[in-house]
């Protein structure tokens, strides 16, 4: 699985909407600003998520976007599939877009790709946007407390 920019931005937009789930609808410019997503790209993403049934929109001065269901009912896997398609790293092990391979019956790599797909899918399917919102709020609180004490966070070495 390769997460596209569209998949990343959709996840970030859904996270932002999850953080504000109980509040007023959010305007595109507010989501864009909070998550650092270009507005024009975000418009397209939000329309796709709305068509897929994850968002509602309302026009007018008190309008904007809201989640169509509680964030604990939306898994990250669902959103990634809407944006990027199957979670499998290769089509011969995909559940939703399986393609027959001439080597399928005797390929020594198939088990690896299937294990990889299963591990990725398990994590993304069990992780909801409510989980991510809670982790974000905890990280923000910890960061704010550290800033009050003059502690600077260590650089993130996990990103490539």
C-alpha atoms as a PDB file:
ATOM      1  CA  UNK A   1       0.000   0.000   0.000  1.00  0.00           C
ATOM      2  CA  UNK A   2       1.220   3.454  -0.861  1.00  0.00           C
ATOM      3  CA  UNK A   3      -0.638   6.307   0.764  1.00  0.00           C
ATOM      4  CA  UNK A   4      -1.181   9.085  -1.756  1.00  0.00           C
ATOM      5  CA  UNK A   5      -1.193  12.766  -0.907  1.00  0.00           C
ATOM      6  CA  UNK A   6      -4.948  12.648  -1.437  1.00  0.00           C
ATOM      7  CA  UNK A   7      -5.248   9.814   1.105  1.00  0.00           C
ATOM      8  CA  UNK A   8      -3.064  11.665   3.600  1.00  0.00           C
ATOM      9  CA  UNK A   9      -5.009  14.913   3.215  1.00  0.00           C
ATOM     10  CA  UNK A  10      -8.343  13.102   3.484  1.00  0.00           C
ATOM     11  CA  UNK A  11      -7.172  11.477   6.724  1.00  0.00           C
ATOM     12  CA  UNK A  12      -6.017  14.817   8.097  1.00  0.00           C
ATOM     13  CA  UNK A  13      -9.294  16.511   7.144  1.00  0.00           C
ATOM     14  CA  UNK A  14     -11.297  13.717   8.776  1.00  0.00           C
ATOM     15  CA  UNK A  15      -9.134  14.020  11.882  1.00  0.00           C
ATOM     16  CA  UNK A  16      -9.755  17.765  12.083  1.00  0.00           C
ATOM     17  CA  UNK A  17     -13.500  17.242  11.688  1.00  0.00           C
ATOM     18  CA  UNK A  18     -13.338  14.525  14.358  1.00  0.00           C
ATOM     19  CA  UNK A  19     -11.605  16.881  16.760  1.00  0.00           C
ATOM     20  CA  UNK A  20     -14.520  19.295  16.329  1.00  0.00           C
ATOM     21  CA  UNK A  21     -17.267  16.726  15.929  1.00  0.00           C
ATOM     22  CA  UNK A  22     -19.538  18.134  18.616  1.00  0.00           C
ATOM     23  CA  UNK A  23     -19.162  21.731  17.453  1.00  0.00           C
ATOM     24  CA  UNK A  24     -20.324  23.834  14.544  1.00  0.00           C
ATOM     25  CA  UNK A  25     -19.664  22.859  10.916  1.00  0.00           C
ATOM     26  CA  UNK A  26     -16.175  23.738   9.688  1.00  0.00           C
ATOM     27  CA  UNK A  27     -15.444  25.867   6.646  1.00  0.00           C
ATOM     28  CA  UNK A  28     -12.933  24.591   4.118  1.00  0.00           C
ATOM     29  CA  UNK A  29     -10.566  27.465   4.895  1.00  0.00           C
ATOM     30  CA  UNK A  30     -10.534  26.504   8.601  1.00  0.00           C
ATOM     31  CA  UNK A  31      -9.795  22.835   7.879  1.00  0.00           C
ATOM     32  CA  UNK A  32      -7.156  23.907   5.366  1.00  0.00           C
ATOM     33  CA  UNK A  33      -5.495  26.257   7.821  1.00  0.00           C
ATOM     34  CA  UNK A  34      -5.581  23.830  10.753  1.00  0.00           C
ATOM     35  CA  UNK A  35      -4.094  20.941   8.762  1.00  0.00           C
ATOM     36  CA  UNK A  36      -1.934  22.730   6.187  1.00  0.00           C
ATOM     37  CA  UNK A  37      -3.888  21.417   3.201  1.00  0.00           C
ATOM     38  CA  UNK A  38      -4.230  23.534   0.032  1.00  0.00           C
ATOM     39  CA  UNK A  39      -7.867  24.722  -0.187  1.00  0.00           C
ATOM     40  CA  UNK A  40      -8.397  23.821  -3.851  1.00  0.00           C
ATOM     41  CA  UNK A  41      -7.197  20.262  -3.277  1.00  0.00           C
ATOM     42  CA  UNK A  42      -9.214  20.009  -0.069  1.00  0.00           C
ATOM     43  CA  UNK A  43     -12.435  20.981  -1.884  1.00  0.00           C
ATOM     44  CA  UNK A  44     -12.090  17.961  -4.185  1.00  0.00           C
ATOM     45  CA  UNK A  45     -11.287  15.636  -1.288  1.00  0.00           C
ATOM     46  CA  UNK A  46     -14.232  16.793   0.807  1.00  0.00           C
ATOM     47  CA  UNK A  47     -16.592  16.314  -2.143  1.00  0.00           C
ATOM     48  CA  UNK A  48     -15.358  12.716  -2.565  1.00  0.00           C
ATOM     49  CA  UNK A  49     -15.820  12.051   1.149  1.00  0.00           C
ATOM     50  CA  UNK A  50     -19.292  13.591   1.013  1.00  0.00           C
ATOM     51  CA  UNK A  51     -20.275  11.428  -1.993  1.00  0.00           C
ATOM     52  CA  UNK A  52     -18.967   8.369  -0.115  1.00  0.00           C
ATOM     53  CA  UNK A  53     -21.283   9.216   2.800  1.00  0.00           C
ATOM     54  CA  UNK A  54     -18.725  10.295   5.423  1.00  0.00           C
ATOM     55  CA  UNK A  55     -19.522  14.019   5.412  1.00  0.00           C
ATOM     56  CA  UNK A  56     -22.469  16.380   5.303  1.00  0.00           C
ATOM     57  CA  UNK A  57     -22.308  19.956   4.159  1.00  0.00           C
ATOM     58  CA  UNK A  58     -24.433  22.988   4.801  1.00  0.00           C
ATOM     59  CA  UNK A  59     -24.350  26.280   2.933  1.00  0.00           C
ATOM     60  CA  UNK A  60     -24.568  29.707   4.415  1.00  0.00           C
ATOM     61  CA  UNK A  61     -22.861  31.752   7.110  1.00  0.00           C
ATOM     62  CA  UNK A  62     -23.181  28.937   9.653  1.00  0.00           C
ATOM     63  CA  UNK A  63     -22.413  26.313   7.049  1.00  0.00           C
ATOM     64  CA  UNK A  64     -19.474  24.065   6.415  1.00  0.00           C
ATOM     65  CA  UNK A  65     -18.665  20.392   6.749  1.00  0.00           C
ATOM     66  CA  UNK A  66     -19.473  17.924   9.515  1.00  0.00           C
ATOM     67  CA  UNK A  67     -19.040  14.185   9.874  1.00  0.00           C
ATOM     68  CA  UNK A  68     -22.149  12.264   8.860  1.00  0.00           C
ATOM     69  CA  UNK A  69     -21.640   9.782  11.712  1.00  0.00           C
ATOM     70  CA  UNK A  70     -19.681   9.728  14.953  1.00  0.00           C
ATOM     71  CA  UNK A  71     -15.887   9.475  14.550  1.00  0.00           C
ATOM     72  CA  UNK A  72     -15.856   6.206  16.504  1.00  0.00           C
ATOM     73  CA  UNK A  73     -17.897   4.689  13.648  1.00  0.00           C
ATOM     74  CA  UNK A  74     -15.420   5.657  10.903  1.00  0.00           C
ATOM     75  CA  UNK A  75     -12.240   3.625  10.459  1.00  0.00           C
ATOM     76  CA  UNK A  76      -9.123   4.952   8.808  1.00  0.00           C
ATOM     77  CA  UNK A  77      -9.251   1.990   6.406  1.00  0.00           C
ATOM     78  CA  UNK A  78     -12.601   3.156   5.023  1.00  0.00           C
ATOM     79  CA  UNK A  79     -11.293   6.604   4.186  1.00  0.00           C
ATOM     80  CA  UNK A  80      -8.044   5.300   2.673  1.00  0.00           C
ATOM     81  CA  UNK A  81     -10.000   2.901   0.467  1.00  0.00           C
ATOM     82  CA  UNK A  82     -12.216   5.748  -0.776  1.00  0.00           C
ATOM     83  CA  UNK A  83      -9.163   7.804  -1.709  1.00  0.00           C
ATOM     84  CA  UNK A  84      -6.561   5.225  -2.727  1.00  0.00           C
ATOM     85  CA  UNK A  85      -8.395   1.978  -3.370  1.00  0.00           C
ATOM     86  CA  UNK A  86      -7.389  -1.417  -1.961  1.00  0.00           C
ATOM     87  CA  UNK A  87      -4.976  -1.702   0.954  1.00  0.00           C
ATOM     88  CA  UNK A  88      -3.100  -4.642  -0.587  1.00  0.00           C
ATOM     89  CA  UNK A  89       0.439  -3.950  -1.813  1.00  0.00           C
ATOM     90  CA  UNK A  90      -0.182  -6.097  -4.911  1.00  0.00           C
ATOM     91  CA  UNK A  91      -3.381  -7.083  -6.758  1.00  0.00           C
ATOM     92  CA  UNK A  92      -3.065 -10.866  -6.376  1.00  0.00           C
ATOM     93  CA  UNK A  93      -3.693 -10.591  -2.608  1.00  0.00           C
ATOM     94  CA  UNK A  94      -6.298  -7.845  -2.697  1.00  0.00           C
ATOM     95  CA  UNK A  95      -9.664  -8.639  -1.130  1.00  0.00           C
ATOM     96  CA  UNK A  96     -11.552  -5.896  -2.963  1.00  0.00           C
ATOM     97  CA  UNK A  97      -9.667  -5.797  -6.297  1.00  0.00           C
ATOM     98  CA  UNK A  98      -8.205  -9.287  -6.681  1.00  0.00           C
ATOM     99  CA  UNK A  99      -6.554 -10.017 -10.014  1.00  0.00           C
ATOM    100  CA  UNK A 100      -5.481 -13.501 -10.959  1.00  0.00           C
ATOM    101  CA  UNK A 101      -1.761 -13.951 -11.418  1.00  0.00           C
ATOM    102  CA  UNK A 102      -0.299 -16.841 -13.495  1.00  0.00           C
ATOM    103  CA  UNK A 103       2.109 -17.555 -10.614  1.00  0.00           C
ATOM    104  CA  UNK A 104      -0.553 -17.398  -7.924  1.00  0.00           C
ATOM    105  CA  UNK A 105      -0.573 -21.120  -7.099  1.00  0.00           C
ATOM    106  CA  UNK A 106       3.188 -21.463  -6.721  1.00  0.00           C
ATOM    107  CA  UNK A 107       4.540 -18.010  -5.854  1.00  0.00           C
ATOM    108  CA  UNK A 108       6.730 -17.879  -2.779  1.00  0.00           C
ATOM    109  CA  UNK A 109       6.113 -14.138  -2.388  1.00  0.00           C
ATOM    110  CA  UNK A 110       2.334 -14.328  -2.208  1.00  0.00           C
ATOM    111  CA  UNK A 111       2.331 -15.210   1.504  1.00  0.00           C
ATOM    112  CA  UNK A 112       4.494 -12.137   2.229  1.00  0.00           C
ATOM    113  CA  UNK A 113       2.170  -9.782   0.358  1.00  0.00           C
ATOM    114  CA  UNK A 114      -0.864 -11.359   2.016  1.00  0.00           C
ATOM    115  CA  UNK A 115       0.671 -11.042   5.509  1.00  0.00           C
ATOM    116  CA  UNK A 116       1.551  -7.434   4.744  1.00  0.00           C
ATOM    117  CA  UNK A 117      -1.980  -6.710   3.539  1.00  0.00           C
ATOM    118  CA  UNK A 118      -3.508  -8.394   6.577  1.00  0.00           C
ATOM    119  CA  UNK A 119      -1.310  -6.463   9.028  1.00  0.00           C
ATOM    120  CA  UNK A 120      -1.950  -3.089   7.399  1.00  0.00           C
ATOM    121  CA  UNK A 121      -5.684  -3.751   7.071  1.00  0.00           C
ATOM    122  CA  UNK A 122      -5.973  -4.898  10.702  1.00  0.00           C
ATOM    123  CA  UNK A 123      -4.360  -1.730  12.038  1.00  0.00           C
ATOM    124  CA  UNK A 124      -6.273   0.645   9.777  1.00  0.00           C
ATOM    125  CA  UNK A 125      -9.617  -1.118  10.288  1.00  0.00           C
ATOM    126  CA  UNK A 126      -9.407  -1.125  14.079  1.00  0.00           C
ATOM    127  CA  UNK A 127      -8.264   2.516  14.243  1.00  0.00           C
ATOM    128  CA  UNK A 128     -11.111   5.007  14.218  1.00  0.00           C
ATOM    129  CA  UNK A 129     -11.000   8.750  13.858  1.00  0.00           C
ATOM    130  CA  UNK A 130     -12.142   8.984  17.478  1.00  0.00           C
ATOM    131  CA  UNK A 131      -8.957   7.092  18.430  1.00  0.00           C
ATOM    132  CA  UNK A 132      -6.851   9.516  16.412  1.00  0.00           C
ATOM    133  CA  UNK A 133      -8.644  12.547  17.857  1.00  0.00           C
ATOM    134  CA  UNK A 134      -7.945  11.291  21.386  1.00  0.00           C
ATOM    135  CA  UNK A 135      -4.260  10.718  20.568  1.00  0.00           C
ATOM    136  CA  UNK A 136      -4.026  14.169  18.985  1.00  0.00           C
ATOM    137  CA  UNK A 137      -5.596  15.864  21.988  1.00  0.00           C
ATOM    138  CA  UNK A 138      -3.249  14.000  24.350  1.00  0.00           C
ATOM    139  CA  UNK A 139      -0.220  14.936  22.239  1.00  0.00           C
ATOM    140  CA  UNK A 140      -1.307  18.582  22.132  1.00  0.00           C
ATOM    141  CA  UNK A 141      -1.766  18.626  25.901  1.00  0.00           C
ATOM    142  CA  UNK A 142       1.648  17.042  26.463  1.00  0.00           C
ATOM    143  CA  UNK A 143       3.246  19.477  24.012  1.00  0.00           C
ATOM    144  CA  UNK A 144       1.596  22.460  25.702  1.00  0.00           C
ATOM    145  CA  UNK A 145       2.729  21.277  29.145  1.00  0.00           C
ATOM    146  CA  UNK A 146       6.262  20.804  27.845  1.00  0.00           C
ATOM    147  CA  UNK A 147       6.242  24.292  26.325  1.00  0.00           C
ATOM    148  CA  UNK A 148       5.163  25.754  29.661  1.00  0.00           C
ATOM    149  CA  UNK A 149       8.145  24.071  31.285  1.00  0.00           C
ATOM    150  CA  UNK A 150      10.526  25.149  28.515  1.00  0.00           C
ATOM    151  CA  UNK A 151      10.948  21.627  27.127  1.00  0.00           C
ATOM    152  CA  UNK A 152      11.362  21.360  23.374  1.00  0.00           C
ATOM    153  CA  UNK A 153      10.190  18.179  21.630  1.00  0.00           C
ATOM    154  CA  UNK A 154      12.817  15.927  20.091  1.00  0.00           C
ATOM    155  CA  UNK A 155      12.944  15.927  16.281  1.00  0.00           C
ATOM    156  CA  UNK A 156      10.803  13.210  14.692  1.00  0.00           C
ATOM    157  CA  UNK A 157      13.250  10.662  13.307  1.00  0.00           C
ATOM    158  CA  UNK A 158      10.514   8.206  12.292  1.00  0.00           C
ATOM    159  CA  UNK A 159       9.572  10.099   9.112  1.00  0.00           C
ATOM    160  CA  UNK A 160      11.408   9.377   5.888  1.00  0.00           C
END
